Amino acid sequence: MDIKHTTLIFMVLFLLGCGTPKKEEIKPSRNILVSILPQKTFVEKIAGDDFKVNVLIPPGTSPAAYSLSPSQMAEIANAAIWFRIGYIGFELSWKDKIAEINPKMKIVDLSEGLNLIQTGTNNAETLKTGTDPHIWLSPALVKEMASKILKELSDLNPEQSVKYKTNYLEFVKEIDQLDIQIRNLLADYSGRKIITFHPSLSYFARDYGLEQHSLESGGKEPTPQRMAELAKLAQKENIKTIYIQGELDREQARVFAEETKGEVIQVRPLDPAWAENLLEMTHIFVKNFQ
């Protein structure tokens, strides 16, 4: 065989070798989709770094109105599981399209079977569900979601099921400790009212005996009547704080705060540092109750 043919064969073998996936690359079956950042935290608490977890709704964007970007289509096409949070506007608008992109992907609704809060609001923005979607802000419900995540991860990667069960039990212990801390901090404030711009704290309030009142109702901007109603409540209860999440426009919250001679304080329901964030939020509430 002459040198020319030998060189050609060598180049073909080299190119074929370049096309071989590296062992450390994550296979498509190890890709997982979640809708929001806190879910990524929950999955990684149980699975460690065994999976690549792609978050569909990026930081700083609203789950009610986000649309998929073209670059996310490949992530969807390679995913083995999509853990839905349940009732956020993005999921309800895009669930059929996402399922169409990857028909083989398993879709797990983490809200299924949970004790959900029905808002009684039927409008186009919530796609007539009338269900409060903010279940990840309840430690009690996160424990139930974690159990579902454990089952799905163990089915997907049975060889590591013992590790996942160990990690899950450790996560449950962390959740229980967080719950005790929050209950102790709020023990003297049962029945206290909080005013929020967007009603994101309903499950947290239910867990810990608080009463949430929100300016926004059913995804709609607050009406002058609603603003006046809550201004009266703030005056009667001596509430000087309105809580707003960072993804929302602060202008109407600012106007309300001026009318009540209060202040706007930002909370972060979508913070990936889930436990730390809930504890920090609790400290903020306690400070403003005093």
Protein backbone atom coordinates (compact mmCIF):
# COMPACT_ATOMS: atom_id res chain seq x y z
CA MET A 1 0.00 0.00 0.00
CA ASP A 2 1.47 3.37 -1.02
CA ILE A 3 1.92 6.36 1.27
CA LYS A 4 -1.01 8.24 -0.31
CA HIS A 5 -3.53 5.48 0.51
CA THR A 6 -2.06 4.98 3.97
CA THR A 7 -2.47 8.70 4.70
CA LEU A 8 -6.06 8.69 3.47
CA ILE A 9 -7.02 5.74 5.69
CA PHE A 10 -5.36 7.40 8.66
CA MET A 11 -7.35 10.62 8.07
CA VAL A 12 -10.66 8.72 7.84
CA LEU A 13 -9.93 6.84 11.07
CA PHE A 14 -8.94 10.10 12.73
CA LEU A 15 -12.18 11.80 11.70
CA LEU A 16 -14.24 8.84 12.86
CA GLY A 17 -12.46 8.96 16.17
CA CYS A 18 -13.28 12.67 16.52
CA GLY A 19 -16.94 11.88 16.05
CA THR A 20 -17.01 9.39 18.93
CA PRO A 21 -18.65 10.86 22.05
CA LYS A 22 -16.36 11.25 25.04
CA LYS A 23 -17.14 9.10 28.02
CA GLU A 24 -17.70 12.08 30.27
CA GLU A 25 -20.36 13.60 28.02
CA ILE A 26 -23.87 13.30 29.38
CA LYS A 27 -26.00 11.02 27.25
CA PRO A 28 -29.39 12.28 26.06
CA SER A 29 -31.12 9.95 28.52
CA ARG A 30 -29.40 11.79 31.37
CA ASN A 31 -30.86 15.19 30.43
CA ILE A 32 -33.71 16.45 32.59
CA LEU A 33 -36.00 19.43 32.09
CA VAL A 34 -37.52 21.49 34.87
CA SER A 35 -39.63 24.59 34.55
CA ILE A 36 -38.22 26.85 37.29
CA LEU A 37 -34.96 27.25 39.19
CA PRO A 38 -36.08 25.86 42.58
CA GLN A 39 -36.92 22.55 40.88
CA LYS A 40 -33.33 22.31 39.67
CA THR A 41 -32.26 22.56 43.30
CA PHE A 42 -34.68 19.79 44.32
CA VAL A 43 -33.46 17.42 41.58
CA GLU A 44 -29.79 18.07 42.35
CA LYS A 45 -30.35 17.55 46.08
CA ILE A 46 -31.41 14.00 45.26
CA ALA A 47 -29.36 13.18 42.15
CA GLY A 48 -26.18 15.15 42.79
CA ASP A 49 -24.51 15.81 39.45
CA ASP A 50 -25.66 12.57 37.78
CA PHE A 51 -27.94 14.49 35.42
CA LYS A 52 -27.77 17.66 33.40
CA VAL A 53 -30.74 19.72 34.55
CA ASN A 54 -32.00 22.32 32.09
CA VAL A 55 -34.26 25.09 33.38
CA LEU A 56 -36.85 26.22 30.85
CA ILE A 57 -37.63 29.60 32.47
CA PRO A 58 -34.40 31.62 32.86
CA PRO A 59 -33.61 33.77 35.91
CA GLY A 60 -35.27 37.18 35.90
CA THR A 61 -38.21 36.21 33.69
CA SER A 62 -41.83 35.72 34.67
CA PRO A 63 -43.24 32.16 34.58
CA ALA A 64 -46.59 33.63 33.58
CA ALA A 65 -45.45 35.04 30.24
CA TYR A 66 -42.14 33.46 29.15
CA SER A 67 -41.82 31.97 25.64
CA LEU A 68 -39.32 29.32 24.57
CA SER A 69 -36.19 30.39 22.72
CA PRO A 70 -34.95 28.46 19.64
CA SER A 71 -31.86 27.29 21.54
CA GLN A 72 -34.07 25.49 24.08
CA MET A 73 -35.55 23.20 21.44
CA ALA A 74 -32.42 20.98 21.42
CA GLU A 75 -32.55 20.70 25.22
CA ILE A 76 -36.15 19.55 25.00
CA ALA A 77 -35.41 17.08 22.21
CA ASN A 78 -32.67 15.39 24.30
CA ALA A 79 -34.52 15.22 27.62
CA ALA A 80 -35.66 12.00 29.27
CA ILE A 81 -38.03 13.66 31.75
CA TRP A 82 -39.74 17.01 32.15
CA PHE A 83 -40.70 17.80 35.75
CA ARG A 84 -43.59 20.25 35.48
CA ILE A 85 -44.47 22.42 38.46
CA GLY A 86 -48.13 22.24 37.47
CA TYR A 87 -50.09 25.38 36.76
CA ILE A 88 -47.79 28.27 35.81
CA GLY A 89 -48.82 30.12 32.66
CA PHE A 90 -45.74 29.11 30.68
CA GLU A 91 -46.40 25.40 31.12
CA LEU A 92 -50.06 25.65 30.25
CA SER A 93 -49.28 27.61 27.09
CA TRP A 94 -46.36 25.44 25.91
CA LYS A 95 -47.01 21.92 27.22
CA ASP A 96 -48.43 20.59 23.94
CA LYS A 97 -45.60 22.07 21.89
CA ILE A 98 -42.96 20.69 24.26
CA ALA A 99 -44.53 17.22 24.13
CA GLU A 100 -44.61 17.43 20.33
CA ILE A 101 -40.88 18.24 20.16
CA ASN A 102 -40.01 15.12 22.17
CA PRO A 103 -42.81 12.52 22.18
CA LYS A 104 -40.57 9.99 23.98
CA MET A 105 -39.94 12.28 26.94
CA LYS A 106 -41.80 11.43 30.15
CA ILE A 107 -43.77 14.35 31.59
CA VAL A 108 -44.24 14.37 35.36
CA ASP A 109 -46.58 16.93 36.91
CA LEU A 110 -45.26 17.50 40.43
CA SER A 111 -48.50 19.18 41.50
CA GLU A 112 -50.57 16.07 40.90
CA GLY A 113 -52.15 14.77 44.09
CA LEU A 114 -51.12 17.77 46.20
CA ASN A 115 -53.47 19.88 48.33
CA LEU A 116 -53.77 22.79 45.92
CA ILE A 117 -55.25 26.22 46.57
CA GLN A 118 -58.12 27.11 44.25
CA THR A 119 -58.22 30.83 43.59
CA GLY A 120 -61.70 30.95 42.15
CA THR A 121 -60.39 33.13 39.34
CA ASN A 122 -61.08 32.16 35.75
CA ASN A 123 -59.38 34.34 33.15
CA ALA A 124 -57.41 34.01 29.94
CA GLU A 125 -54.02 34.53 31.54
CA THR A 126 -54.33 31.56 33.87
CA LEU A 127 -56.03 29.60 31.10
CA LYS A 128 -59.11 29.15 33.29
CA THR A 129 -57.42 26.85 35.81
CA GLY A 130 -58.25 28.83 38.93
CA THR A 131 -55.36 27.06 40.69
CA ASP A 132 -52.56 28.80 42.57
CA PRO A 133 -49.28 27.49 41.07
CA HIS A 134 -46.74 28.52 43.75
CA ILE A 135 -46.45 25.12 45.41
CA TRP A 136 -42.65 25.23 45.73
CA LEU A 137 -42.96 27.85 48.50
CA SER A 138 -44.47 25.29 50.87
CA PRO A 139 -41.89 23.04 52.58
CA ALA A 140 -44.62 20.49 53.26
CA LEU A 141 -45.47 20.23 49.56
CA VAL A 142 -41.79 20.18 48.55
CA LYS A 143 -41.40 17.03 50.65
CA GLU A 144 -44.14 15.40 48.60
CA MET A 145 -42.59 16.60 45.35
CA ALA A 146 -39.20 15.26 46.42
CA SER A 147 -40.71 11.79 46.85
CA LYS A 148 -41.97 11.88 43.25
CA ILE A 149 -38.60 13.09 41.99
CA LEU A 150 -36.87 10.24 43.85
CA LYS A 151 -39.08 7.64 42.18
CA GLU A 152 -38.52 9.01 38.68
CA LEU A 153 -34.75 9.35 39.07
CA SER A 154 -34.50 5.83 40.46
CA ASP A 155 -36.49 4.47 37.53
CA LEU A 156 -34.31 6.39 35.09
CA ASN A 157 -31.02 5.28 36.66
CA PRO A 158 -31.66 2.18 38.82
CA GLU A 159 -27.96 1.57 39.45
CA GLN A 160 -27.84 4.68 41.63
CA SER A 161 -31.19 4.24 43.38
CA VAL A 162 -29.60 3.60 46.78
CA LYS A 163 -27.61 6.82 46.53
CA TYR A 164 -30.72 8.73 45.50
CA LYS A 165 -32.69 7.35 48.45
CA THR A 166 -29.91 8.37 50.84
CA ASN A 167 -29.78 11.88 49.36
CA TYR A 168 -33.56 12.12 49.45
CA LEU A 169 -33.68 11.26 53.16
CA GLU A 170 -31.02 13.88 53.84
CA PHE A 171 -33.04 16.44 51.87
CA VAL A 172 -36.19 15.56 53.83
CA LYS A 173 -34.24 16.12 57.04
CA GLU A 174 -33.17 19.56 55.77
CA ILE A 175 -36.78 20.41 54.90
CA ASP A 176 -37.99 19.35 58.35
CA GLN A 177 -35.31 21.47 60.03
CA LEU A 178 -36.27 24.46 57.86
CA ASP A 179 -39.93 23.98 58.72
CA ILE A 180 -39.15 23.97 62.45
CA GLN A 181 -37.06 27.15 62.13
CA ILE A 182 -39.80 28.99 60.24
CA ARG A 183 -42.52 27.84 62.66
CA ASN A 184 -40.48 29.00 65.64
CA LEU A 185 -39.84 32.40 64.06
CA LEU A 186 -43.51 32.93 63.18
CA ALA A 187 -45.02 31.37 66.31
CA ASP A 188 -46.04 34.74 67.76
CA TYR A 189 -47.50 36.09 64.54
CA SER A 190 -50.33 33.70 63.70
CA GLY A 191 -53.10 35.48 61.80
CA ARG A 192 -50.93 38.43 60.81
CA LYS A 193 -51.66 39.89 57.40
CA ILE A 194 -49.17 40.52 54.61
CA ILE A 195 -49.77 42.50 51.44
CA THR A 196 -48.13 41.35 48.23
CA PHE A 197 -48.30 42.68 44.70
CA HIS A 198 -48.54 39.22 43.08
CA PRO A 199 -50.20 36.41 45.12
CA SER A 200 -47.12 34.20 45.22
CA LEU A 201 -47.08 33.48 48.96
CA SER A 202 -50.42 31.69 49.37
CA TYR A 203 -48.95 28.27 50.21
CA PHE A 204 -46.32 29.73 52.54
CA ALA A 205 -49.05 31.74 54.29
CA ARG A 206 -51.26 28.65 54.61
CA ASP A 207 -48.42 26.59 56.11
CA TYR A 208 -47.51 29.16 58.74
CA GLY A 209 -50.77 30.81 59.73
CA LEU A 210 -50.39 34.09 57.85
CA GLU A 211 -53.01 35.84 55.74
CA GLN A 212 -51.98 37.06 52.30
CA HIS A 213 -53.72 39.92 50.48
CA SER A 214 -52.54 40.77 46.97
CA LEU A 215 -53.02 43.81 44.78
CA GLU A 216 -52.94 41.72 41.63
CA SER A 217 -55.79 39.29 41.14
CA GLY A 218 -55.81 36.41 38.65
CA GLY A 219 -52.88 37.82 36.71
CA LYS A 220 -54.68 41.14 36.15
CA GLU A 221 -53.31 44.52 37.16
CA PRO A 222 -54.87 45.92 40.33
CA THR A 223 -57.93 48.09 39.85
CA PRO A 224 -58.30 51.44 41.64
CA GLN A 225 -60.99 49.79 43.78
CA ARG A 226 -58.59 47.03 44.82
CA MET A 227 -55.85 49.56 45.58
CA ALA A 228 -58.25 51.56 47.76
CA GLU A 229 -59.52 48.42 49.52
CA LEU A 230 -56.03 47.27 50.48
CA ALA A 231 -54.96 50.79 51.43
CA LYS A 232 -57.78 50.75 54.01
CA LEU A 233 -56.63 47.35 55.24
CA ALA A 234 -53.04 48.58 55.54
CA GLN A 235 -54.18 51.59 57.55
CA LYS A 236 -56.38 49.50 59.84
CA GLU A 237 -53.70 46.83 60.45
CA ASN A 238 -50.78 49.30 60.48
CA ILE A 239 -49.12 47.45 57.58
CA LYS A 240 -46.21 49.46 56.20
CA THR A 241 -44.80 46.96 53.70
CA ILE A 242 -45.81 45.63 50.32
CA TYR A 243 -43.85 42.65 49.01
CA ILE A 244 -43.07 42.25 45.33
CA GLN A 245 -41.01 39.73 43.38
CA GLY A 246 -38.15 41.01 41.26
CA GLU A 247 -39.58 39.89 37.90
CA LEU A 248 -42.56 42.27 38.18
CA ASP A 249 -43.00 45.96 37.46
CA ARG A 250 -42.59 47.92 40.68
CA GLU A 251 -44.46 51.08 39.66
CA GLN A 252 -47.92 50.24 41.00
CA ALA A 253 -46.39 48.77 44.14
CA ARG A 254 -44.50 52.04 44.60
CA VAL A 255 -47.71 54.07 44.20
CA PHE A 256 -49.45 51.88 46.78
CA ALA A 257 -46.53 52.26 49.20
CA GLU A 258 -46.69 56.04 48.85
CA GLU A 259 -50.41 56.05 49.59
CA THR A 260 -49.90 53.92 52.71
CA LYS A 261 -46.69 55.69 53.76
CA GLY A 262 -44.94 52.35 53.56
CA GLU A 263 -42.17 50.75 51.55
CA VAL A 264 -41.72 48.17 48.81
CA ILE A 265 -39.60 45.15 49.73
CA GLN A 266 -38.47 42.63 47.16
CA VAL A 267 -38.84 38.91 47.75
CA ARG A 268 -37.45 36.18 45.48
CA PRO A 269 -39.85 33.23 45.07
CA LEU A 270 -37.72 31.80 42.24
CA ASP A 271 -34.37 31.92 44.05
CA PRO A 272 -32.47 28.64 43.50
CA ALA A 273 -31.11 28.80 47.06
CA TRP A 274 -34.52 27.56 48.12
CA ALA A 275 -34.14 26.86 51.85
CA GLU A 276 -31.91 29.86 52.52
CA ASN A 277 -34.33 32.10 50.66
CA LEU A 278 -37.40 30.93 52.60
CA LEU A 279 -35.58 31.48 55.87
CA GLU A 280 -34.42 34.95 54.81
CA MET A 281 -37.95 35.83 53.72
CA THR A 282 -39.27 34.71 57.11
CA HIS A 283 -36.79 36.98 58.89
CA ILE A 284 -37.99 39.87 56.70
CA PHE A 285 -41.61 39.22 57.67
CA VAL A 286 -40.76 39.03 61.36
CA LYS A 287 -38.82 42.29 61.19
CA ASN A 288 -41.77 44.07 59.57
CA PHE A 289 -44.34 42.58 61.96
CA GLN A 290 -42.60 44.18 64.93
